[in-house]
Protein backbone atom coordinates (compact mmCIF):
# COMPACT_ATOMS: atom_id res chain seq x y z
CA MET A 1 -0.18 -0.20 0.48
CA ASP A 2 1.20 3.68 -0.94
CA ARG A 3 2.22 6.12 1.69
CA TRP A 4 -0.50 8.49 0.78
CA GLN A 5 -3.21 5.75 0.82
CA ALA A 6 -2.20 4.76 4.46
CA MET A 7 -2.37 8.48 5.69
CA ARG A 8 -5.60 8.89 3.93
CA ILE A 9 -6.43 5.63 5.77
CA PHE A 10 -4.95 6.78 9.54
CA THR A 11 -6.47 10.28 9.27
CA GLN A 12 -10.15 8.56 8.59
CA VAL A 13 -9.56 6.21 11.20
CA VAL A 14 -8.93 9.55 13.52
CA ASP A 15 -11.70 11.03 11.92
CA CYS A 16 -14.19 8.61 12.60
CA GLY A 17 -12.92 7.33 16.13
CA GLY A 18 -12.35 3.78 15.22
CA PHE A 19 -11.28 1.50 12.71
CA ALA A 20 -14.62 -0.30 11.70
CA PRO A 21 -16.43 3.00 10.95
CA ALA A 22 -13.24 4.29 8.86
CA ALA A 23 -13.58 0.55 6.83
CA ARG A 24 -17.17 1.30 6.35
CA LEU A 25 -16.51 4.49 4.58
CA LEU A 26 -13.56 3.65 2.98
CA HIS A 27 -15.28 0.53 1.57
CA MET A 28 -12.50 -1.74 3.07
CA SER A 29 -12.99 -4.17 5.68
CA PRO A 30 -11.78 -3.47 9.37
CA PRO A 31 -8.54 -5.84 9.16
CA ALA A 32 -7.43 -4.33 6.15
CA VAL A 33 -7.68 -0.74 7.71
CA THR A 34 -6.02 -2.10 11.13
CA ARG A 35 -2.87 -3.47 8.73
CA ALA A 36 -2.73 -0.05 6.81
CA VAL A 37 -2.10 2.08 10.18
CA ALA A 38 0.02 -1.08 11.55
CA SER A 39 2.15 -1.12 8.83
CA LEU A 40 2.16 2.94 8.71
CA GLU A 41 3.75 2.72 12.60
CA LYS A 42 6.24 0.21 11.71
CA HIS A 43 7.28 2.45 8.70
CA ILE A 44 7.85 5.43 11.18
CA GLY A 45 9.28 3.58 14.10
CA THR A 46 6.57 5.02 16.40
CA ARG A 47 3.10 4.40 17.60
CA LEU A 48 0.57 6.82 16.78
CA LEU A 49 -2.25 5.32 18.16
CA VAL A 50 -3.25 3.75 21.84
CA ARG A 51 -5.84 0.90 21.22
CA THR A 52 -8.53 -0.10 24.00
CA THR A 53 -11.29 -1.97 23.40
CA ARG A 54 -13.52 0.50 23.98
CA SER A 55 -11.45 3.89 23.03
CA LEU A 56 -8.93 4.96 20.36
CA LYS A 57 -6.57 7.82 21.14
CA LEU A 58 -4.01 9.51 19.27
CA THR A 59 -0.48 9.47 20.93
CA ALA A 60 1.72 12.82 21.35
CA ALA A 61 3.56 11.60 17.95
CA GLY A 62 0.18 10.88 16.36
CA GLU A 63 -1.37 14.17 17.41
CA GLY A 64 1.64 15.83 15.20
CA TYR A 65 1.15 13.39 12.40
CA VAL A 66 -2.20 13.64 11.79
CA ALA A 67 -2.18 17.46 11.58
CA ASP A 68 1.01 17.21 8.95
CA CYS A 69 -1.41 14.06 7.18
CA ARG A 70 -4.26 16.82 6.88
CA ARG A 71 -1.69 19.25 5.34
CA ILE A 72 -0.07 17.08 2.97
CA LEU A 73 -3.72 15.31 1.71
CA ALA A 74 -5.23 19.14 1.19
CA GLU A 75 -2.03 19.68 -0.96
CA ILE A 76 -2.55 16.81 -2.85
CA ALA A 77 -6.38 17.38 -3.52
CA GLU A 78 -5.45 21.08 -4.39
CA ALA A 79 -2.90 19.80 -6.98
CA GLU A 80 -5.45 17.57 -8.32
CA ALA A 81 -8.10 20.27 -8.40
CA ASN A 82 -5.71 22.60 -10.47
CA ALA A 83 -4.93 20.13 -12.86
CA ALA A 84 -8.58 19.03 -13.53
CA GLY A 85 -9.07 22.97 -13.47
CA SER A 86 -11.73 23.66 -10.67
CA PHE A 87 -8.95 26.59 -9.41
CA THR A 88 -11.08 28.05 -11.99
CA HIS A 89 -14.53 26.91 -11.62
CA PRO A 90 -15.36 26.72 -8.19
CA ALA A 91 -16.95 23.99 -7.29
CA GLY A 92 -17.43 20.98 -4.31
CA LEU A 93 -17.38 21.27 -0.39
CA LEU A 94 -16.62 24.71 1.42
CA THR A 95 -16.75 24.68 5.13
CA VAL A 96 -17.06 27.92 6.83
CA THR A 97 -16.67 28.46 11.16
CA ALA A 98 -17.76 31.49 12.57
CA PRO A 99 -19.05 32.73 15.87
CA ALA A 100 -22.53 31.12 16.79
CA LEU A 101 -24.38 34.61 16.98
CA PHE A 102 -22.10 36.37 14.57
CA GLY A 103 -22.60 33.56 11.86
CA ARG A 104 -26.43 33.10 11.91
CA ILE A 105 -26.63 36.78 11.76
CA HIS A 106 -24.35 38.03 9.12
CA VAL A 107 -22.30 34.89 7.79
CA LEU A 108 -25.50 32.71 6.58
CA PRO A 109 -26.93 35.31 4.40
CA VAL A 110 -23.58 35.69 2.88
CA ILE A 111 -23.46 32.16 2.47
CA LEU A 112 -26.84 31.55 1.41
CA ASP A 113 -26.05 34.55 -1.72
CA PHE A 114 -23.13 32.72 -2.44
CA LEU A 115 -24.86 29.52 -3.14
CA ASP A 116 -27.35 30.89 -5.50
CA HIS A 117 -24.39 32.73 -7.47
CA TYR A 118 -22.09 29.66 -7.40
CA PRO A 119 -24.57 26.47 -8.25
CA ALA A 120 -21.83 23.85 -8.03
CA MET A 121 -21.07 24.93 -4.95
CA GLN A 122 -21.68 22.93 -1.18
CA VAL A 123 -21.18 25.03 2.00
CA LYS A 124 -21.02 23.52 5.51
CA THR A 125 -21.51 25.72 8.22
CA VAL A 126 -19.51 25.39 11.91
CA PHE A 127 -21.03 28.29 13.86
CA VAL A 128 -19.55 27.62 17.20
CA ASP A 129 -18.50 30.07 20.01
CA ARG A 130 -14.80 28.73 20.30
CA VAL A 131 -11.50 29.43 18.47
CA THR A 132 -11.65 26.65 15.83
CA ASN A 133 -8.12 25.04 14.35
CA LEU A 134 -8.65 25.02 10.49
CA VAL A 135 -5.92 22.68 9.70
CA GLU A 136 -6.62 20.04 12.23
CA GLU A 137 -10.59 20.27 11.71
CA GLY A 138 -10.62 20.35 8.37
CA LEU A 139 -12.30 24.10 7.97
CA ASP A 140 -11.56 25.96 4.83
CA VAL A 141 -12.79 29.68 6.06
CA ALA A 142 -12.83 31.02 9.11
CA VAL A 143 -14.52 34.31 10.56
CA ARG A 144 -12.31 35.71 13.55
CA ILE A 145 -13.65 38.47 15.55
CA ALA A 146 -10.47 39.42 17.43
CA ALA A 147 -6.90 40.73 16.80
CA LEU A 148 -5.16 38.17 14.93
CA PRO A 149 -1.48 36.82 15.99
CA ALA A 150 1.49 35.74 13.69
CA SER A 151 0.89 32.49 12.30
CA GLY A 152 0.91 30.73 8.58
CA LEU A 153 -2.80 31.73 8.18
CA VAL A 154 -3.68 34.63 5.55
CA ALA A 155 -6.05 36.78 6.53
CA ARG A 156 -8.13 39.78 5.14
CA ARG A 157 -9.84 42.45 7.48
CA VAL A 158 -13.57 43.08 6.54
CA GLY A 159 -14.66 45.19 9.78
CA SER A 160 -14.61 46.17 13.03
CA ILE A 161 -16.94 45.58 16.32
CA ARG A 162 -17.54 48.05 18.71
CA GLN A 163 -18.37 47.24 22.49
CA VAL A 164 -21.22 49.07 23.30
CA LEU A 165 -23.45 50.12 26.46
CA CYS A 166 -27.25 50.47 25.67
CA GLY A 167 -30.35 50.42 27.02
CA SER A 168 -34.02 51.28 25.94
CA PRO A 169 -35.03 54.63 25.58
CA ASP A 170 -37.79 53.92 28.02
CA TYR A 171 -35.48 52.74 30.57
CA PHE A 172 -33.30 56.50 30.01
CA SER A 173 -36.40 58.25 30.28
CA ARG A 174 -37.32 56.68 33.78
CA PHE A 175 -33.80 56.56 35.25
CA GLY A 176 -31.68 58.90 32.87
CA GLU A 177 -28.85 58.35 30.84
CA PRO A 178 -25.12 57.86 32.23
CA ARG A 179 -22.79 60.83 31.14
CA THR A 180 -20.05 59.27 32.71
CA PRO A 181 -18.96 55.51 33.05
CA GLN A 182 -18.42 56.08 36.63
CA ASP A 183 -22.39 57.07 36.88
CA LEU A 184 -23.26 53.47 36.52
CA VAL A 185 -23.03 52.96 39.74
CA HIS A 186 -26.70 54.38 39.89
CA HIS A 187 -28.16 52.40 37.29
CA ARG A 188 -29.33 48.82 37.00
CA ILE A 189 -26.86 46.23 35.10
CA ILE A 190 -27.85 43.04 33.09
CA GLY A 191 -24.62 41.07 33.39
CA ARG A 192 -23.81 38.01 31.44
CA ASP A 193 -21.87 34.67 32.41
CA ARG A 194 -18.62 35.11 30.32
CA LEU A 195 -18.81 38.31 28.18
CA PHE A 196 -16.84 41.28 30.25
CA GLY A 197 -16.91 39.66 33.38
CA HIS A 198 -19.23 40.32 36.28
CA SER A 199 -16.66 42.79 38.66
CA GLU A 200 -15.71 45.34 36.56
CA TRP A 201 -16.08 46.79 32.91
CA LEU A 202 -13.13 48.29 31.49
CA PHE A 203 -13.95 52.06 28.97
CA GLY A 204 -11.50 54.71 27.51
CA ARG A 205 -9.40 53.98 24.71
CA ASP A 206 -5.92 56.29 25.53
CA GLN A 207 -6.28 54.52 28.80
CA ASP A 208 -8.03 52.12 31.00
CA ILE A 209 -11.00 53.35 33.16
CA ARG A 210 -12.55 50.82 35.54
CA VAL A 211 -15.78 50.80 36.73
CA PRO A 212 -16.89 48.14 39.55
CA ILE A 213 -20.34 46.62 38.78
CA ALA A 214 -22.79 44.51 40.68
CA PRO A 215 -25.68 43.08 37.99
CA ARG A 216 -28.97 42.14 39.38
CA LEU A 217 -29.42 40.23 36.44
CA ILE A 218 -27.10 37.70 35.04
CA CYS A 219 -28.17 36.04 31.98
CA ASN A 220 -26.48 33.20 30.07
CA THR A 221 -27.19 33.63 26.41
CA ASN A 222 -26.82 37.37 24.33
CA ASP A 223 -30.44 36.71 23.08
CA ALA A 224 -31.65 36.92 26.97
CA SER A 225 -29.78 39.98 27.96
CA ILE A 226 -30.83 41.92 25.08
CA ALA A 227 -34.49 40.84 25.02
CA ALA A 228 -34.06 42.36 29.18
CA ALA A 229 -32.72 45.34 27.87
CA VAL A 230 -35.27 46.13 24.90
CA ALA A 231 -37.77 45.31 27.94
CA GLY A 232 -36.81 48.38 29.73
CA TRP A 233 -34.83 46.58 33.01
CA GLY A 234 -31.47 48.18 33.13
CA VAL A 235 -28.41 48.46 30.56
CA SER A 236 -26.06 45.86 29.43
CA ARG A 237 -23.00 45.73 27.05
CA PHE A 238 -22.78 44.20 23.66
CA GLN A 239 -20.70 43.89 20.38
CA SER A 240 -22.28 46.26 17.96
CA TYR A 241 -23.41 43.41 15.53
CA GLN A 242 -25.71 42.00 18.06
CA ILE A 243 -27.83 44.49 18.55
CA ALA A 244 -27.79 47.19 15.38
CA ALA A 245 -31.02 45.67 14.35
CA ASP A 246 -32.46 47.02 17.61
CA VAL A 247 -30.67 50.37 17.40
CA GLU A 248 -31.97 50.47 13.75
CA ALA A 249 -35.23 50.25 15.19
CA GLY A 250 -35.14 52.23 17.76
CA ARG A 251 -35.82 49.51 20.52
CA LEU A 252 -32.34 50.20 21.94
CA LYS A 253 -30.34 53.61 22.03
CA VAL A 254 -26.49 53.36 22.99
CA VAL A 255 -24.83 55.66 25.60
CA LEU A 256 -21.25 56.47 26.36
CA ALA A 257 -19.92 56.22 23.01
CA ASP A 258 -16.81 58.64 23.57
CA TYR A 259 -15.78 56.25 26.55
CA GLU A 260 -15.81 53.04 24.30
CA ARG A 261 -12.99 50.82 23.71
CA GLU A 262 -10.85 50.31 20.77
CA PRO A 263 -13.14 48.32 18.23
CA VAL A 264 -12.39 44.58 17.60
CA PRO A 265 -11.20 43.93 14.26
CA VAL A 266 -13.38 41.22 11.90
CA HIS A 267 -11.25 39.15 9.46
CA LEU A 268 -12.27 36.36 7.04
CA VAL A 269 -8.79 33.40 7.55
CA HIS A 270 -7.92 30.68 5.69
CA ALA A 271 -4.83 28.29 5.55
CA GLU A 272 -1.87 29.46 3.51
CA GLY A 273 -0.84 27.00 0.84
CA ARG A 274 0.69 26.69 -2.26
CA MET A 275 -2.48 27.52 -4.39
CA VAL A 276 -5.56 28.80 -3.14
CA SER A 277 -8.63 26.83 -4.30
CA ALA A 278 -10.96 28.53 -6.43
CA ARG A 279 -13.80 27.57 -4.06
CA VAL A 280 -11.96 29.40 -1.40
CA ARG A 281 -11.08 32.27 -3.46
CA ALA A 282 -14.54 32.66 -4.50
CA PHE A 283 -15.59 32.78 -1.22
CA VAL A 284 -13.55 35.41 0.34
CA ASP A 285 -13.89 37.56 -2.43
CA PHE A 286 -17.34 37.33 -2.41
CA ALA A 287 -18.06 37.75 1.80
CA ALA A 288 -15.20 40.27 1.99
CA GLU A 289 -17.40 42.34 -0.38
CA ARG A 290 -20.84 41.93 1.77
CA LEU A 291 -19.61 41.79 5.29
CA ARG A 292 -18.25 45.36 4.40
CA TYR A 293 -21.67 46.39 4.51
CA ARG A 294 -23.50 44.59 7.03
CA PRO A 295 -25.08 46.37 9.82
CA GLY A 296 -22.95 46.74 12.71
CA VAL A 297 -20.13 45.15 11.44
CA ASN A 298 -18.48 48.38 10.97
CA ALA A 299 -20.64 50.45 12.87
CA ILE A 300 -24.21 50.72 14.39
CA PRO A 301 -26.27 53.63 12.92
CA ASP A 302 -26.81 56.60 15.50
CA VAL A 303 -30.11 56.31 15.90
CA ARG A 304 -31.37 59.45 18.08
CA PRO A 305 -35.11 58.98 19.81
């Protein structure tokens, strides 16, 4: 069995979590799959998998090797696609990942338009609130809302997200608007489990302004926090894209804009290879143009009551 085929089998075993399911997917017998992985381990001279009756785990060497296998197999697929001409005509499966709420609000509409524009394309979404690994998880394009560290990835900036403080017009008519961050000690605070913490909020660009907060309402989802703010119960902080529609409709009003932190950049990211497939290039070009004009991606409307 050639090395490329053995790598493909090994990667499939890891992805499927076992020899039997990988064998079914590859239309091979389980003993043949087992022999292929054993032969690969013998050739390399180290164990890649730890097998028990109930589980299959990668060794430290296996974790590094499977990442290299994915990269090599992807490059082979790219070379074949280039020879077949698909770098000129976008076709096939594209996997796109993004934060869950941003993906639903902004990326999904772009994907739907993209599929209408390129009938030969198929797109799989992975909208999750964690940092994904494009190479190890087999993802093509990611939306990152963060300042990016140096890496082997190619990034195209498409906008920025503001961290804004807001409440409903009804709330401000009853309790008044805060004029400085320190005024928040006199206001009802809506907090969230993870975002921005519970003990203090940071304001300011040139210097940090730390404001202790004591939220009486702590929500575990953004949707619940937004609903509470729209209902007029209190004030909270959100990323601008999350409440752009509510600001546009006048259900929420942004305050303390002069004290906001530096906006967070939004990037489209993909793995760097010797060549970029037409499907990745087409989607990045298509999405970059449209995301730049999505409400809340670069700025939120300045709506006055």
